[in-house]
C-alpha cells in the first residue's frame, strides 16, 4: 500500500510541466524528507531488536 502511494506521488512528480520546475523541486524535497523520517522511525523501532540479534550471534561465537 505504501509503495503504491509512493509510486503515485512519483508519477505525479514526473508528470509535472517545465513551468512548474520550482514546485517540482519542492515536492521532491518533501518526498525525500518524508522517506528520511520513515527510515529514522524504522531504525529507532527495529534497532534494539537488530542489535540483540547481532549480540546473540557474537555470544554464540
Protein backbone atom coordinates (compact mmCIF):
# COMPACT_ATOMS: atom_id res chain seq x y z
CA UNK A 1 0.00 0.00 0.00
CA UNK A 2 2.75 2.45 0.93
CA UNK A 3 4.64 1.51 -2.23
CA UNK A 4 1.56 2.30 -4.32
CA UNK A 5 1.21 5.70 -2.66
CA UNK A 6 4.89 6.48 -3.29
CA UNK A 7 4.59 5.34 -6.92
CA UNK A 8 1.55 7.59 -7.43
CA UNK A 9 3.40 10.52 -5.89
CA UNK A 10 6.45 9.85 -8.06
CA UNK A 11 4.28 9.59 -11.17
CA UNK A 12 2.67 12.93 -10.31
CA UNK A 13 6.10 14.50 -9.84
CA UNK A 14 7.44 13.15 -13.14
CA UNK A 15 4.34 14.38 -14.97
CA UNK A 16 4.81 17.99 -13.82
CA UNK A 17 5.40 20.54 -16.59
CA UNK A 18 8.54 22.59 -17.15
CA UNK A 19 6.87 25.77 -15.92
CA UNK A 20 6.41 24.16 -12.51
CA UNK A 21 10.08 23.31 -12.02
CA UNK A 22 10.39 25.09 -8.66
CA UNK A 23 7.26 23.44 -7.36
CA UNK A 24 8.54 20.04 -8.51
CA UNK A 25 11.83 20.54 -6.67
CA UNK A 26 9.93 21.44 -3.50
CA UNK A 27 7.83 18.30 -3.88
CA UNK A 28 10.96 16.19 -4.32
CA UNK A 29 12.35 17.77 -1.15
CA UNK A 30 9.18 16.96 0.78
CA UNK A 31 9.18 13.41 -0.55
CA UNK A 32 12.82 12.95 0.44
CA UNK A 33 12.15 14.37 3.91
CA UNK A 34 9.18 12.02 4.35
CA UNK A 35 11.25 9.00 3.33
CA UNK A 36 14.03 10.06 5.71
CA UNK A 37 11.57 10.35 8.60
CA UNK A 38 10.18 6.88 7.86
CA UNK A 39 13.67 5.38 7.70
CA UNK A 40 14.65 7.00 11.01
CA UNK A 41 11.46 5.73 12.66
CA UNK A 42 12.10 2.20 11.43
CA UNK A 43 15.69 2.30 12.69
CA UNK A 44 14.53 3.54 16.09
CA UNK A 45 11.89 0.82 16.35
CA UNK A 46 13.90 -2.09 14.95
CA UNK A 47 17.36 -1.00 16.11
CA UNK A 48 17.30 -2.70 19.53
CA UNK A 49 15.97 -5.95 18.07
CA UNK A 50 18.67 -5.99 15.40
CA UNK A 51 21.36 -5.20 17.97
CA UNK A 52 20.11 -8.04 20.18
CA UNK A 53 20.25 -10.46 17.25
CA UNK A 54 23.82 -9.46 16.45
CA UNK A 55 24.75 -9.80 20.10
CA UNK A 56 23.33 -13.34 20.15
CA UNK A 57 25.47 -14.21 17.12
CA UNK A 58 28.58 -12.75 18.78
CA UNK A 59 27.84 -14.61 22.03
CA UNK A 60 27.44 -17.90 20.19
CA UNK A 61 30.85 -17.49 18.54
